[in-house]
Amino acid sequence: MHVFWERGYEAASISDLTAAMGITPPSLYTAFGDKEKLFFEAIERYALGPGGIGRRALDEEPTAHAAIKRWLEDAADELTQPCHPAGCMVVMATTNCSVAAERVQASLAKRRAEGEERVHRRIQQGIAAGELPSGTDALALANFYVTVYQGMSMQAKDGASRETLLASVAMAMRSWPVSGTKADAASASGKTMKRPRRPAMGTAH
């Protein structure tokens, strides 16, 4: 998984993959069929581990604001963990692929769209619950925060620190629409407290 994550789909060679897995090329083809199928297996594994931070935050937090904030703050941790490649595998793995990798690119684009739709639904739930103003454009707001996340992934890949990404999260959360209640205003404008780096999700090659 780490080979695809670090080098991208096309740049990861069969020799790179078999060396990381400790097997021969014939064994790889017997077990997975081809490189594309192995990549999809790796993506599924990523989604169950470090790639699942967004889903967990959206499902577990009691408010939309808390869910988005936790997702992005957890991302600042996960995207910069020293124990695995920087950035998000789903965002970065097909950024420089040729037409030959069109199926893989389409598959990851679909995953990214599904992720944005989950954010959209969580924001809609927040609007319905009165956490955000009734006129909030949920789709535009979801797109904004997904764009922030994808930018954080690119910055992490370029070497940005956890602290730099957390500062970006704090700035992004200032754009959160505030409803008319004092409680909501206090929640949305609360200062970001320093938080210890959480342990990395368990990952393996």
N, C-alpha and C. Protein backbone atom coordinates (compact mmCIF):
# COMPACT_ATOMS: atom_id res chain seq x y z
N MET A 1 0.82 -1.20 0.00
CA MET A 1 0.00 0.00 0.00
C MET A 1 0.86 1.26 0.00
N HIS A 2 1.93 1.24 0.80
CA HIS A 2 2.77 2.43 0.90
C HIS A 2 3.44 2.79 -0.42
N VAL A 3 3.74 1.78 -1.23
CA VAL A 3 4.39 2.05 -2.52
C VAL A 3 3.46 2.86 -3.42
N PHE A 4 2.21 2.44 -3.54
CA PHE A 4 1.23 3.20 -4.32
C PHE A 4 1.01 4.59 -3.72
N TRP A 5 0.97 4.65 -2.41
CA TRP A 5 0.71 5.90 -1.70
C TRP A 5 1.83 6.90 -1.96
N GLU A 6 3.05 6.43 -1.90
CA GLU A 6 4.20 7.33 -2.05
C GLU A 6 4.48 7.70 -3.50
N ARG A 7 4.36 6.74 -4.41
CA ARG A 7 4.79 6.97 -5.79
C ARG A 7 3.65 7.23 -6.77
N GLY A 8 2.42 6.89 -6.37
CA GLY A 8 1.30 7.01 -7.29
C GLY A 8 1.11 5.72 -8.06
N TYR A 9 -0.04 5.61 -8.72
CA TYR A 9 -0.39 4.35 -9.37
C TYR A 9 0.58 3.98 -10.49
N GLU A 10 0.78 4.87 -11.44
CA GLU A 10 1.60 4.50 -12.60
C GLU A 10 3.08 4.42 -12.27
N ALA A 11 3.56 5.28 -11.39
CA ALA A 11 4.99 5.29 -11.08
C ALA A 11 5.42 4.10 -10.23
N ALA A 12 4.48 3.45 -9.61
CA ALA A 12 4.81 2.25 -8.82
C ALA A 12 4.98 1.07 -9.77
N SER A 13 6.19 0.56 -9.86
CA SER A 13 6.47 -0.55 -10.78
C SER A 13 6.19 -1.89 -10.12
N ILE A 14 6.05 -2.90 -10.95
CA ILE A 14 5.85 -4.26 -10.42
C ILE A 14 7.03 -4.67 -9.55
N SER A 15 8.24 -4.30 -9.95
CA SER A 15 9.41 -4.67 -9.14
C SER A 15 9.38 -3.95 -7.80
N ASP A 16 8.94 -2.68 -7.78
CA ASP A 16 8.79 -1.96 -6.51
C ASP A 16 7.78 -2.67 -5.61
N LEU A 17 6.66 -3.05 -6.20
CA LEU A 17 5.58 -3.67 -5.42
C LEU A 17 5.98 -5.04 -4.88
N THR A 18 6.59 -5.85 -5.73
CA THR A 18 6.97 -7.20 -5.27
C THR A 18 8.09 -7.12 -4.23
N ALA A 19 9.00 -6.15 -4.37
CA ALA A 19 10.05 -5.99 -3.37
C ALA A 19 9.46 -5.62 -2.01
N ALA A 20 8.47 -4.71 -2.03
CA ALA A 20 7.84 -4.29 -0.77
C ALA A 20 7.04 -5.42 -0.14
N MET A 21 6.45 -6.27 -0.97
CA MET A 21 5.62 -7.36 -0.47
C MET A 21 6.41 -8.63 -0.18
N GLY A 22 7.65 -8.69 -0.65
CA GLY A 22 8.47 -9.87 -0.43
C GLY A 22 8.02 -11.08 -1.23
N ILE A 23 7.50 -10.84 -2.44
CA ILE A 23 7.04 -11.94 -3.30
C ILE A 23 7.60 -11.75 -4.70
N THR A 24 7.40 -12.73 -5.56
CA THR A 24 7.85 -12.64 -6.94
C THR A 24 6.71 -12.12 -7.82
N PRO A 25 7.03 -11.60 -9.02
CA PRO A 25 5.96 -11.16 -9.92
C PRO A 25 4.92 -12.23 -10.22
N PRO A 26 5.32 -13.49 -10.49
CA PRO A 26 4.29 -14.51 -10.73
C PRO A 26 3.35 -14.68 -9.53
N SER A 27 3.89 -14.58 -8.32
CA SER A 27 3.04 -14.71 -7.13
C SER A 27 2.06 -13.55 -7.02
N LEU A 28 2.52 -12.36 -7.40
CA LEU A 28 1.63 -11.19 -7.38
C LEU A 28 0.47 -11.39 -8.34
N TYR A 29 0.78 -11.82 -9.56
CA TYR A 29 -0.28 -12.01 -10.56
C TYR A 29 -1.22 -13.14 -10.16
N THR A 30 -0.69 -14.16 -9.52
CA THR A 30 -1.55 -15.27 -9.08
C THR A 30 -2.50 -14.80 -7.98
N ALA A 31 -1.99 -13.98 -7.08
CA ALA A 31 -2.79 -13.55 -5.93
C ALA A 31 -3.79 -12.45 -6.28
N PHE A 32 -3.39 -11.53 -7.16
CA PHE A 32 -4.22 -10.34 -7.40
C PHE A 32 -4.71 -10.18 -8.84
N GLY A 33 -4.13 -10.90 -9.75
CA GLY A 33 -4.54 -10.79 -11.14
C GLY A 33 -3.69 -9.83 -11.93
N ASP A 34 -3.63 -8.58 -11.50
CA ASP A 34 -2.80 -7.59 -12.17
C ASP A 34 -2.58 -6.40 -11.24
N LYS A 35 -1.81 -5.44 -11.73
CA LYS A 35 -1.45 -4.27 -10.92
C LYS A 35 -2.69 -3.45 -10.54
N GLU A 36 -3.63 -3.33 -11.46
CA GLU A 36 -4.84 -2.54 -11.19
C GLU A 36 -5.63 -3.13 -10.03
N LYS A 37 -5.81 -4.44 -10.05
CA LYS A 37 -6.56 -5.10 -8.97
C LYS A 37 -5.82 -4.96 -7.63
N LEU A 38 -4.50 -5.05 -7.67
CA LEU A 38 -3.72 -4.86 -6.45
C LEU A 38 -3.91 -3.44 -5.92
N PHE A 39 -3.94 -2.47 -6.82
CA PHE A 39 -4.14 -1.08 -6.40
C PHE A 39 -5.49 -0.91 -5.73
N PHE A 40 -6.54 -1.49 -6.31
CA PHE A 40 -7.86 -1.37 -5.71
C PHE A 40 -7.90 -2.04 -4.33
N GLU A 41 -7.18 -3.13 -4.17
CA GLU A 41 -7.07 -3.77 -2.85
C GLU A 41 -6.40 -2.81 -1.86
N ALA A 42 -5.36 -2.14 -2.33
CA ALA A 42 -4.64 -1.20 -1.47
C ALA A 42 -5.52 -0.02 -1.08
N ILE A 43 -6.32 0.46 -2.01
CA ILE A 43 -7.23 1.57 -1.72
C ILE A 43 -8.27 1.16 -0.68
N GLU A 44 -8.79 -0.05 -0.80
CA GLU A 44 -9.76 -0.53 0.19
C GLU A 44 -9.12 -0.60 1.57
N ARG A 45 -7.90 -1.04 1.62
CA ARG A 45 -7.19 -1.13 2.90
C ARG A 45 -6.96 0.28 3.47
N TYR A 46 -6.60 1.19 2.60
CA TYR A 46 -6.39 2.58 3.03
C TYR A 46 -7.69 3.17 3.58
N ALA A 47 -8.80 2.90 2.91
CA ALA A 47 -10.08 3.45 3.33
C ALA A 47 -10.50 2.95 4.71
N LEU A 48 -10.10 1.74 5.06
CA LEU A 48 -10.45 1.17 6.36
C LEU A 48 -9.53 1.66 7.48
N GLY A 49 -8.40 2.25 7.09
CA GLY A 49 -7.44 2.75 8.07
C GLY A 49 -7.36 4.26 8.05
N PRO A 50 -6.23 4.81 7.63
CA PRO A 50 -6.04 6.26 7.67
C PRO A 50 -7.01 7.03 6.79
N GLY A 51 -7.51 6.40 5.74
CA GLY A 51 -8.45 7.09 4.86
C GLY A 51 -9.86 7.18 5.42
N GLY A 52 -10.11 6.59 6.58
CA GLY A 52 -11.46 6.60 7.15
C GLY A 52 -11.71 7.69 8.17
N ILE A 53 -10.77 8.62 8.35
CA ILE A 53 -10.94 9.64 9.38
C ILE A 53 -12.16 10.53 9.13
N GLY A 54 -12.42 10.86 7.89
CA GLY A 54 -13.56 11.71 7.59
C GLY A 54 -14.88 11.05 7.90
N ARG A 55 -15.03 9.82 7.47
CA ARG A 55 -16.27 9.08 7.73
C ARG A 55 -16.53 8.96 9.23
N ARG A 56 -15.48 8.64 9.98
CA ARG A 56 -15.65 8.50 11.43
C ARG A 56 -16.06 9.81 12.08
N ALA A 57 -15.44 10.89 11.69
CA ALA A 57 -15.78 12.20 12.26
C ALA A 57 -17.23 12.58 11.94
N LEU A 58 -17.63 12.38 10.70
CA LEU A 58 -18.99 12.74 10.29
C LEU A 58 -20.03 11.90 11.00
N ASP A 59 -19.70 10.65 11.27
CA ASP A 59 -20.65 9.73 11.91
C ASP A 59 -20.74 9.93 13.42
N GLU A 60 -19.64 10.32 14.04
CA GLU A 60 -19.56 10.27 15.50
C GLU A 60 -19.81 11.60 16.20
N GLU A 61 -19.53 12.72 15.55
CA GLU A 61 -19.67 14.01 16.22
C GLU A 61 -21.14 14.45 16.28
N PRO A 62 -21.54 15.14 17.34
CA PRO A 62 -22.96 15.49 17.53
C PRO A 62 -23.46 16.64 16.67
N THR A 63 -22.57 17.49 16.18
CA THR A 63 -22.99 18.61 15.34
C THR A 63 -22.18 18.62 14.05
N ALA A 64 -22.71 19.28 13.05
CA ALA A 64 -22.00 19.38 11.77
C ALA A 64 -20.69 20.14 11.93
N HIS A 65 -20.72 21.21 12.71
CA HIS A 65 -19.51 22.00 12.93
C HIS A 65 -18.43 21.15 13.58
N ALA A 66 -18.80 20.42 14.62
CA ALA A 66 -17.83 19.58 15.31
C ALA A 66 -17.30 18.48 14.39
N ALA A 67 -18.17 17.95 13.52
CA ALA A 67 -17.76 16.88 12.60
C ALA A 67 -16.74 17.38 11.59
N ILE A 68 -17.01 18.53 10.97
CA ILE A 68 -16.09 19.07 9.97
C ILE A 68 -14.77 19.47 10.62
N LYS A 69 -14.85 20.09 11.78
CA LYS A 69 -13.64 20.52 12.48
C LYS A 69 -12.79 19.31 12.86
N ARG A 70 -13.42 18.28 13.42
CA ARG A 70 -12.66 17.08 13.78
C ARG A 70 -12.04 16.43 12.55
N TRP A 71 -12.80 16.33 11.48
CA TRP A 71 -12.29 15.72 10.25
C TRP A 71 -11.01 16.43 9.79
N LEU A 72 -11.04 17.75 9.72
CA LEU A 72 -9.89 18.49 9.22
C LEU A 72 -8.72 18.48 10.20
N GLU A 73 -9.01 18.54 11.50
CA GLU A 73 -7.93 18.49 12.47
C GLU A 73 -7.29 17.09 12.50
N ASP A 74 -8.12 16.06 12.42
CA ASP A 74 -7.56 14.71 12.34
C ASP A 74 -6.74 14.54 11.06
N ALA A 75 -7.20 15.18 9.98
CA ALA A 75 -6.45 15.11 8.72
C ALA A 75 -5.08 15.76 8.86
N ALA A 76 -5.01 16.89 9.60
CA ALA A 76 -3.72 17.53 9.82
C ALA A 76 -2.75 16.58 10.51
N ASP A 77 -3.27 15.77 11.42
CA ASP A 77 -2.46 14.73 12.06
C ASP A 77 -2.06 13.65 11.07
N GLU A 78 -3.07 13.06 10.43
CA GLU A 78 -2.85 11.87 9.61
C GLU A 78 -2.02 12.16 8.37
N LEU A 79 -2.25 13.29 7.74
CA LEU A 79 -1.54 13.62 6.49
C LEU A 79 -0.06 13.86 6.71
N THR A 80 0.34 14.13 7.95
CA THR A 80 1.74 14.45 8.23
C THR A 80 2.41 13.43 9.14
N GLN A 81 1.78 12.28 9.35
CA GLN A 81 2.39 11.25 10.19
C GLN A 81 3.73 10.81 9.58
N PRO A 82 4.77 10.70 10.39
CA PRO A 82 6.08 10.30 9.85
C PRO A 82 6.19 8.81 9.52
N CYS A 83 5.20 8.01 9.96
CA CYS A 83 5.29 6.56 9.78
C CYS A 83 4.74 6.08 8.44
N HIS A 84 4.24 6.99 7.63
CA HIS A 84 3.75 6.61 6.30
C HIS A 84 3.88 7.80 5.35
N PRO A 85 3.71 7.60 4.05
CA PRO A 85 3.84 8.71 3.10
C PRO A 85 2.89 9.86 3.43
N ALA A 86 3.31 11.07 3.13
CA ALA A 86 2.51 12.25 3.40
C ALA A 86 1.38 12.39 2.39
N GLY A 87 0.33 13.10 2.80
CA GLY A 87 -0.79 13.35 1.91
C GLY A 87 -1.82 12.24 1.91
N CYS A 88 -2.89 12.45 1.16
CA CYS A 88 -3.99 11.50 1.07
C CYS A 88 -3.83 10.63 -0.17
N MET A 89 -3.85 9.34 0.00
CA MET A 89 -3.66 8.41 -1.11
C MET A 89 -4.75 8.57 -2.17
N VAL A 90 -5.99 8.78 -1.73
CA VAL A 90 -7.10 8.90 -2.69
C VAL A 90 -6.98 10.19 -3.50
N VAL A 91 -6.42 11.23 -2.90
CA VAL A 91 -6.25 12.50 -3.60
C VAL A 91 -5.03 12.47 -4.52
N MET A 92 -3.93 11.84 -4.06
CA MET A 92 -2.65 12.00 -4.74
C MET A 92 -2.27 10.88 -5.70
N ALA A 93 -2.85 9.69 -5.58
CA ALA A 93 -2.31 8.51 -6.28
C ALA A 93 -2.46 8.54 -7.79
N THR A 94 -3.37 9.35 -8.32
CA THR A 94 -3.54 9.37 -9.78
C THR A 94 -3.42 10.78 -10.36
N THR A 95 -2.67 11.64 -9.70
CA THR A 95 -2.59 13.03 -10.18
C THR A 95 -1.79 13.16 -11.48
N ASN A 96 -0.89 12.23 -11.74
CA ASN A 96 -0.06 12.33 -12.95
C ASN A 96 -0.14 11.07 -13.80
N CYS A 97 -1.34 10.57 -13.99
CA CYS A 97 -1.53 9.33 -14.75
C CYS A 97 -1.89 9.61 -16.21
N SER A 98 -1.56 8.65 -17.06
CA SER A 98 -1.87 8.74 -18.48
C SER A 98 -3.26 8.19 -18.76
N VAL A 99 -3.65 8.23 -20.02
CA VAL A 99 -4.96 7.71 -20.43
C VAL A 99 -5.07 6.23 -20.12
N ALA A 100 -3.95 5.53 -20.09
CA ALA A 100 -3.97 4.09 -19.82
C ALA A 100 -4.52 3.77 -18.44
N ALA A 101 -4.46 4.76 -17.54
CA ALA A 101 -4.95 4.54 -16.18
C ALA A 101 -6.33 5.17 -15.97
N GLU A 102 -7.07 5.32 -17.04
CA GLU A 102 -8.36 6.01 -16.97
C GLU A 102 -9.33 5.34 -15.99
N ARG A 103 -9.35 4.02 -15.96
CA ARG A 103 -10.26 3.31 -15.06
C ARG A 103 -9.92 3.59 -13.60
N VAL A 104 -8.64 3.61 -13.31
CA VAL A 104 -8.20 3.89 -11.94
C VAL A 104 -8.53 5.33 -11.56
N GLN A 105 -8.27 6.25 -12.48
CA GLN A 105 -8.59 7.65 -12.21
C GLN A 105 -10.08 7.84 -11.96
N ALA A 106 -10.90 7.18 -12.77
CA ALA A 106 -12.36 7.30 -12.61
C ALA A 106 -12.81 6.73 -11.28
N SER A 107 -12.19 5.64 -10.87
CA SER A 107 -12.55 5.02 -9.60
C SER A 107 -12.25 5.94 -8.42
N LEU A 108 -11.08 6.57 -8.43
CA LEU A 108 -10.74 7.47 -7.33
C LEU A 108 -11.57 8.75 -7.38
N ALA A 109 -11.88 9.23 -8.59
CA ALA A 109 -12.75 10.40 -8.70
C ALA A 109 -14.12 10.10 -8.10
N LYS A 110 -14.61 8.89 -8.32
CA LYS A 110 -15.89 8.49 -7.74
C LYS A 110 -15.81 8.46 -6.23
N ARG A 111 -14.72 7.94 -5.68
CA ARG A 111 -14.53 7.91 -4.22
C ARG A 111 -14.51 9.33 -3.65
N ARG A 112 -13.83 10.23 -4.34
CA ARG A 112 -13.77 11.60 -3.85
C ARG A 112 -15.15 12.25 -3.89
N ALA A 113 -15.91 11.97 -4.95
CA ALA A 113 -17.27 12.51 -5.05
C ALA A 113 -18.17 11.96 -3.95
N GLU A 114 -18.00 10.68 -3.64
CA GLU A 114 -18.79 10.08 -2.56
C GLU A 114 -18.44 10.70 -1.21
N GLY A 115 -17.17 10.99 -1.02
CA GLY A 115 -16.74 11.65 0.21
C GLY A 115 -17.35 13.03 0.33
N GLU A 116 -17.36 13.77 -0.76
CA GLU A 116 -17.96 15.11 -0.73
C GLU A 116 -19.46 15.02 -0.47
N GLU A 117 -20.12 14.01 -1.00
CA GLU A 117 -21.55 13.85 -0.77
C GLU A 117 -21.82 13.55 0.71
N ARG A 118 -20.96 12.81 1.37
CA ARG A 118 -21.13 12.57 2.81
C ARG A 118 -21.02 13.87 3.60
N VAL A 119 -20.06 14.71 3.22
CA VAL A 119 -19.93 16.02 3.87
C VAL A 119 -21.18 16.86 3.61
N HIS A 120 -21.65 16.83 2.38
CA HIS A 120 -22.86 17.57 2.00
C HIS A 120 -24.04 17.14 2.85
N ARG A 121 -24.24 15.83 2.99
CA ARG A 121 -25.37 15.33 3.79
C ARG A 121 -25.26 15.74 5.25
N ARG A 122 -24.03 15.71 5.79
CA ARG A 122 -23.86 16.09 7.20
C ARG A 122 -24.18 17.57 7.41
N ILE A 123 -23.80 18.39 6.46
CA ILE A 123 -24.12 19.81 6.56
C ILE A 123 -25.62 20.03 6.42
N GLN A 124 -26.26 19.30 5.52
CA GLN A 124 -27.72 19.39 5.39
C GLN A 124 -28.42 19.01 6.70
N GLN A 125 -27.89 17.98 7.37
CA GLN A 125 -28.45 17.60 8.66
C GLN A 125 -28.31 18.73 9.67
N GLY A 126 -27.18 19.42 9.62
CA GLY A 126 -26.96 20.54 10.51
C GLY A 126 -27.93 21.68 10.24
N ILE A 127 -28.21 21.92 8.98
CA ILE A 127 -29.18 22.96 8.62
C ILE A 127 -30.56 22.58 9.13
N ALA A 128 -30.93 21.33 8.91
CA ALA A 128 -32.25 20.85 9.35
C ALA A 128 -32.40 20.93 10.87
N ALA A 129 -31.28 20.75 11.59
CA ALA A 129 -31.32 20.79 13.06
C ALA A 129 -31.20 22.21 13.61
N GLY A 130 -31.07 23.20 12.73
CA GLY A 130 -30.97 24.58 13.17
C GLY A 130 -29.58 25.00 13.59
N GLU A 131 -28.56 24.18 13.27
CA GLU A 131 -27.19 24.52 13.64
C GLU A 131 -26.61 25.59 12.71
N LEU A 132 -27.11 25.64 11.49
CA LEU A 132 -26.66 26.62 10.51
C LEU A 132 -27.87 27.41 10.02
N PRO A 133 -27.65 28.60 9.47
CA PRO A 133 -28.77 29.38 8.93
C PRO A 133 -29.52 28.59 7.86
N SER A 134 -30.81 28.78 7.79
CA SER A 134 -31.64 28.01 6.85
C SER A 134 -31.26 28.26 5.40
N GLY A 135 -30.69 29.41 5.11
CA GLY A 135 -30.32 29.73 3.72
C GLY A 135 -28.93 29.28 3.33
N THR A 136 -28.27 28.52 4.19
CA THR A 136 -26.91 28.06 3.89
C THR A 136 -26.90 27.17 2.64
N ASP A 137 -25.97 27.42 1.74
CA ASP A 137 -25.79 26.59 0.55
C ASP A 137 -24.93 25.38 0.96
N ALA A 138 -25.59 24.28 1.27
CA ALA A 138 -24.89 23.11 1.80
C ALA A 138 -23.89 22.54 0.80
N LEU A 139 -24.27 22.54 -0.48
CA LEU A 139 -23.39 21.97 -1.49
C LEU A 139 -22.12 22.81 -1.65
N ALA A 140 -22.27 24.13 -1.68
CA ALA A 140 -21.11 25.01 -1.81
C ALA A 140 -20.21 24.92 -0.59
N LEU A 141 -20.82 24.81 0.60
CA LEU A 141 -20.04 24.72 1.82
C LEU A 141 -19.27 23.40 1.88
N ALA A 142 -19.93 22.32 1.46
CA ALA A 142 -19.25 21.02 1.41
C ALA A 142 -18.07 21.06 0.44
N ASN A 143 -18.28 21.66 -0.73
CA ASN A 143 -17.21 21.77 -1.71
C ASN A 143 -16.04 22.58 -1.17
N PHE A 144 -16.35 23.63 -0.42
CA PHE A 144 -15.30 24.47 0.17
C PHE A 144 -14.42 23.65 1.11
N TYR A 145 -15.04 22.90 2.02
CA TYR A 145 -14.25 22.16 2.99
C TYR A 145 -13.53 20.97 2.37
N VAL A 146 -14.11 20.37 1.34
CA VAL A 146 -13.39 19.32 0.61
C VAL A 146 -12.18 19.91 -0.10
N THR A 147 -12.33 21.10 -0.65
CA THR A 147 -11.21 21.78 -1.30
C THR A 147 -10.11 22.09 -0.29
N VAL A 148 -10.50 22.51 0.91
CA VAL A 148 -9.51 22.73 1.98
C VAL A 148 -8.75 21.45 2.27
N TYR A 149 -9.49 20.34 2.39
CA TYR A 149 -8.85 19.06 2.68
C TYR A 149 -7.87 18.66 1.57
N GLN A 150 -8.30 18.79 0.34
CA GLN A 150 -7.44 18.40 -0.77
C GLN A 150 -6.20 19.29 -0.84
N GLY A 151 -6.36 20.57 -0.53
CA GLY A 151 -5.21 21.47 -0.48
C GLY A 151 -4.26 21.10 0.64
N MET A 152 -4.80 20.69 1.78
CA MET A 152 -3.96 20.22 2.89
C MET A 152 -3.16 19.00 2.48
N SER A 153 -3.78 18.11 1.72
CA SER A 153 -3.09 16.92 1.25
C SER A 153 -1.90 17.29 0.36
N MET A 154 -2.12 18.23 -0.54
CA MET A 154 -1.03 18.67 -1.41
C MET A 154 0.08 19.35 -0.61
N GLN A 155 -0.31 20.18 0.36
CA GLN A 155 0.70 20.85 1.18
C GLN A 155 1.51 19.84 2.00
N ALA A 156 0.81 18.84 2.55
CA ALA A 156 1.52 17.81 3.31
C ALA A 156 2.52 17.08 2.43
N LYS A 157 2.12 16.78 1.21
CA LYS A 157 3.01 16.10 0.26
C LYS A 157 4.25 16.95 -0.01
N ASP A 158 4.07 18.26 0.02
CA ASP A 158 5.19 19.18 -0.22
C ASP A 158 6.00 19.47 1.04
N GLY A 159 5.61 18.86 2.16
CA GLY A 159 6.41 18.99 3.37
C GLY A 159 5.86 19.90 4.45
N ALA A 160 4.62 20.38 4.29
CA ALA A 160 4.03 21.23 5.32
C ALA A 160 3.91 20.48 6.64
N SER A 161 4.06 21.19 7.73
CA SER A 161 3.99 20.57 9.05
C SER A 161 2.55 20.44 9.52
N ARG A 162 2.38 19.63 10.54
CA ARG A 162 1.07 19.49 11.19
C ARG A 162 0.57 20.84 11.69
N GLU A 163 1.46 21.61 12.29
CA GLU A 163 1.08 22.92 12.83
C GLU A 163 0.61 23.86 11.74
N THR A 164 1.27 23.82 10.59
CA THR A 164 0.85 24.66 9.46
C THR A 164 -0.55 24.26 9.00
N LEU A 165 -0.81 22.96 8.91
CA LEU A 165 -2.12 22.51 8.48
C LEU A 165 -3.19 22.84 9.51
N LEU A 166 -2.88 22.73 10.79
CA LEU A 166 -3.86 23.09 11.82
C LEU A 166 -4.20 24.57 11.76
N ALA A 167 -3.23 25.40 11.43
CA ALA A 167 -3.51 26.83 11.27
C ALA A 167 -4.46 27.06 10.11
N SER A 168 -4.30 26.29 9.04
CA SER A 168 -5.22 26.40 7.89
C SER A 168 -6.62 25.96 8.28
N VAL A 169 -6.71 24.90 9.09
CA VAL A 169 -8.01 24.43 9.56
C VAL A 169 -8.70 25.51 10.38
N ALA A 170 -7.95 26.13 11.29
CA ALA A 170 -8.54 27.18 12.13
C ALA A 170 -9.06 28.33 11.27
N MET A 171 -8.30 28.69 10.24
CA MET A 171 -8.75 29.76 9.35
C MET A 171 -9.99 29.34 8.58
N ALA A 172 -10.02 28.10 8.09
CA ALA A 172 -11.17 27.62 7.33
C ALA A 172 -12.43 27.57 8.17
N MET A 173 -12.30 27.18 9.43
CA MET A 173 -13.47 27.08 10.29
C MET A 173 -14.08 28.44 10.62
N ARG A 174 -13.32 29.50 10.43
CA ARG A 174 -13.87 30.84 10.63
C ARG A 174 -14.90 31.20 9.56
N SER A 175 -14.90 30.43 8.49
CA SER A 175 -15.88 30.66 7.43
C SER A 175 -17.20 29.93 7.67
N TRP A 176 -17.30 29.21 8.77
CA TRP A 176 -18.51 28.45 9.07
C TRP A 176 -19.68 29.40 9.30
N PRO A 177 -20.80 29.19 8.60
CA PRO A 177 -21.97 30.06 8.79
C PRO A 177 -22.51 29.95 10.22
N VAL A 178 -22.87 31.06 10.79
CA VAL A 178 -23.36 31.09 12.17
C VAL A 178 -24.83 31.45 12.18
N SER A 179 -25.62 30.66 12.90
CA SER A 179 -27.04 30.96 13.03
C SER A 179 -27.23 32.06 14.07
N GLY A 180 -28.45 32.41 14.34
CA GLY A 180 -28.71 33.56 15.20
C GLY A 180 -28.59 33.30 16.68
N THR A 181 -28.43 32.05 17.12
CA THR A 181 -28.40 31.78 18.55
C THR A 181 -27.02 32.00 19.13
N LYS A 182 -26.96 32.41 20.39
CA LYS A 182 -25.69 32.65 21.04
C LYS A 182 -24.89 31.36 21.18
N ALA A 183 -25.59 30.27 21.44
CA ALA A 183 -24.89 28.99 21.61
C ALA A 183 -24.18 28.58 20.33
N ASP A 184 -24.88 28.73 19.19
CA ASP A 184 -24.26 28.37 17.92
C ASP A 184 -23.11 29.29 17.59
N ALA A 185 -23.28 30.58 17.89
CA ALA A 185 -22.21 31.53 17.61
C ALA A 185 -20.97 31.20 18.43
N ALA A 186 -21.17 30.84 19.69
CA ALA A 186 -20.04 30.48 20.55
C ALA A 186 -19.35 29.23 20.04
N SER A 187 -20.15 28.25 19.58
CA SER A 187 -19.57 27.00 19.08
C SER A 187 -18.74 27.23 17.84
N ALA A 188 -19.27 28.02 16.90
CA ALA A 188 -18.59 28.21 15.62
C ALA A 188 -17.39 29.12 15.72
N SER A 189 -17.36 30.01 16.73
CA SER A 189 -16.26 30.95 16.82
C SER A 189 -15.24 30.57 17.88
N GLY A 190 -15.41 29.39 18.49
CA GLY A 190 -14.51 28.97 19.55
C GLY A 190 -13.08 28.84 19.07
N LYS A 191 -12.14 29.22 19.93
CA LYS A 191 -10.74 29.15 19.55
C LYS A 191 -10.28 27.70 19.46
N THR A 192 -9.39 27.45 18.52
CA THR A 192 -8.82 26.11 18.40
C THR A 192 -7.74 25.93 19.45
N MET A 193 -7.93 24.96 20.33
CA MET A 193 -6.96 24.70 21.38
C MET A 193 -5.85 23.81 20.85
N LYS A 194 -4.67 23.96 21.45
CA LYS A 194 -3.57 23.08 21.07
C LYS A 194 -3.95 21.65 21.44
N ARG A 195 -3.68 20.73 20.55
CA ARG A 195 -4.03 19.35 20.80
C ARG A 195 -2.84 18.46 20.51
N PRO A 196 -2.62 17.43 21.30
CA PRO A 196 -1.49 16.53 21.04
C PRO A 196 -1.73 15.74 19.77
N ARG A 197 -0.65 15.36 19.12
CA ARG A 197 -0.78 14.52 17.92
C ARG A 197 -1.34 13.18 18.34
N ARG A 198 -2.40 12.74 17.65
CA ARG A 198 -2.97 11.44 17.97
C ARG A 198 -2.14 10.35 17.30
N PRO A 199 -2.20 9.13 17.81
CA PRO A 199 -1.44 8.03 17.20
C PRO A 199 -1.91 7.78 15.77
N ALA A 200 -1.00 7.36 14.91
CA ALA A 200 -1.36 7.04 13.53
C ALA A 200 -2.25 5.82 13.50
N MET A 201 -3.12 5.76 12.48
CA MET A 201 -3.91 4.56 12.26
C MET A 201 -2.97 3.43 11.87
N GLY A 202 -3.29 2.22 12.28
CA GLY A 202 -2.44 1.08 11.94
C GLY A 202 -2.39 0.87 10.44
N THR A 203 -1.21 0.90 9.86
CA THR A 203 -1.05 0.69 8.43
C THR A 203 0.10 -0.25 8.19
N ALA A 204 0.06 -0.90 7.05
CA ALA A 204 1.15 -1.80 6.67
C ALA A 204 1.27 -1.81 5.18
N HIS A 205 2.39 -2.23 4.66
CA HIS A 205 2.60 -2.30 3.21
C HIS A 205 1.64 -3.31 2.61
